């Protein structure tokens, strides 16, 4: 019979780290809903607040749940993530640029 793998190799977080990540994620989610539902901010400020909260929540998920850090063991994972994020930014940015440029040229006629 095969034995179950029970060794803890240190690459996974502890229960307290998962709990901290979960609590931070819940707080950031509630803050996002509060920024929109209370109408305390102008639409532009609400969009800026949502953007900042979303970026912080992405970082929380990457650090606490995906265990992405700057250690030497994680260097390839970090480089792959940065490349993927840059690719997505270029694709989305290019698409928005093309759509905006097309709209400007079509509306001028």
Protein backbone atom coordinates (compact mmCIF):
# COMPACT_ATOMS: atom_id res chain seq x y z
CA UNK A 1 0.00 0.00 0.00
CA UNK A 2 1.18 3.49 -0.79
CA UNK A 3 1.70 5.81 2.12
CA UNK A 4 -0.02 9.15 2.23
CA UNK A 5 2.27 12.11 1.77
CA UNK A 6 2.26 13.95 5.08
CA UNK A 7 5.55 15.83 5.00
CA UNK A 8 5.38 19.57 5.34
CA UNK A 9 7.95 21.04 2.97
CA UNK A 10 7.53 24.68 3.99
CA UNK A 11 6.26 25.85 0.61
CA UNK A 12 2.69 25.92 1.83
CA UNK A 13 1.44 28.39 4.38
CA UNK A 14 0.35 27.72 7.89
CA UNK A 15 -3.24 27.87 9.05
CA UNK A 16 -2.63 31.28 10.58
CA UNK A 17 -1.30 32.60 7.24
CA UNK A 18 -4.39 31.26 5.45
CA UNK A 19 -6.60 32.82 8.11
CA UNK A 20 -4.85 36.19 7.79
CA UNK A 21 -5.20 36.04 4.01
CA UNK A 22 -8.87 35.13 4.27
CA UNK A 23 -9.60 37.95 6.73
CA UNK A 24 -7.75 40.47 4.53
CA UNK A 25 -9.65 39.27 1.45
CA UNK A 26 -12.99 39.62 3.26
CA UNK A 27 -12.08 43.10 4.52
CA UNK A 28 -11.06 44.22 1.03
CA UNK A 29 -14.25 42.79 -0.48
CA UNK A 30 -16.45 44.52 2.12
CA UNK A 31 -14.55 47.77 1.56
CA UNK A 32 -15.18 47.49 -2.19
CA UNK A 33 -18.90 46.95 -1.67
CA UNK A 34 -19.03 49.79 0.86
CA UNK A 35 -17.28 52.18 -1.54
CA UNK A 36 -19.99 51.57 -4.14
CA UNK A 37 -23.13 50.99 -2.08
CA UNK A 38 -22.82 53.95 0.30
CA UNK A 39 -22.45 56.49 -2.55
CA UNK A 40 -20.05 58.39 -0.29
CA UNK A 41 -17.57 58.83 -3.14
CA UNK A 42 -17.96 60.46 -6.53
CA UNK A 43 -18.05 58.00 -9.44
CA UNK A 44 -14.45 58.81 -10.38
CA UNK A 45 -13.20 58.39 -6.84
CA UNK A 46 -15.20 55.18 -6.44
CA UNK A 47 -13.55 53.80 -9.58
CA UNK A 48 -10.12 54.77 -8.26
CA UNK A 49 -10.87 53.20 -4.88
CA UNK A 50 -12.10 49.98 -6.53
CA UNK A 51 -8.96 49.83 -8.66
CA UNK A 52 -6.67 50.22 -5.66
CA UNK A 53 -8.64 47.70 -3.59
CA UNK A 54 -8.60 45.21 -6.48
CA UNK A 55 -4.83 45.47 -6.90
CA UNK A 56 -4.30 45.03 -3.16
CA UNK A 57 -6.60 42.01 -3.17
CA UNK A 58 -4.66 40.47 -6.06
CA UNK A 59 -1.45 40.88 -4.06
CA UNK A 60 -3.10 39.33 -0.97
CA UNK A 61 -4.21 36.30 -2.99
CA UNK A 62 -0.80 35.90 -4.61
CA UNK A 63 1.08 36.09 -1.33
CA UNK A 64 -1.20 34.27 1.11
CA UNK A 65 -2.88 31.67 -1.10
CA UNK A 66 -0.55 31.10 -4.06
CA UNK A 67 2.59 31.58 -1.92
CA UNK A 68 4.28 33.73 -4.56
CA UNK A 69 7.25 35.56 -3.10
CA UNK A 70 10.71 36.77 -4.08
CA UNK A 71 12.67 33.78 -2.75
CA UNK A 72 15.11 32.02 -5.05
CA UNK A 73 12.86 28.95 -5.21
CA UNK A 74 10.01 31.07 -6.56
CA UNK A 75 12.03 33.05 -9.13
CA UNK A 76 10.69 31.14 -12.18
CA UNK A 77 7.12 31.29 -10.90
CA UNK A 78 7.48 35.03 -10.30
CA UNK A 79 8.99 35.61 -13.75
CA UNK A 80 6.20 33.61 -15.41
CA UNK A 81 3.58 35.58 -13.51
CA UNK A 82 5.17 38.92 -14.46
CA UNK A 83 5.35 37.86 -18.13
CA UNK A 84 1.71 36.73 -18.10
CA UNK A 85 0.58 39.96 -16.41
CA UNK A 86 2.57 42.07 -18.89
CA UNK A 87 1.10 40.11 -21.81
CA UNK A 88 -2.43 40.67 -20.54
CA UNK A 89 -1.77 44.37 -20.03
CA UNK A 90 -0.37 44.73 -23.58
CA UNK A 91 -3.29 42.81 -25.12
CA UNK A 92 -5.96 44.73 -23.19
CA UNK A 93 -4.20 48.08 -23.66
CA UNK A 94 -3.77 47.43 -27.39
CA UNK A 95 -7.39 46.44 -27.76
CA UNK A 96 -8.59 49.57 -25.97
CA UNK A 97 -6.25 51.72 -28.08
CA UNK A 98 -7.49 50.17 -31.33
CA UNK A 99 -11.14 50.49 -30.32
CA UNK A 100 -10.67 54.12 -29.27
CA UNK A 101 -8.76 54.99 -32.44
CA UNK A 102 -11.41 53.32 -34.59
CA UNK A 103 -14.20 55.17 -32.78
CA UNK A 104 -12.42 58.50 -33.24
CA UNK A 105 -11.87 57.90 -36.95
CA UNK A 106 -15.43 56.68 -37.54
CA UNK A 107 -17.05 59.59 -35.70
CA UNK A 108 -15.10 62.21 -37.65
CA UNK A 109 -16.83 61.33 -40.94
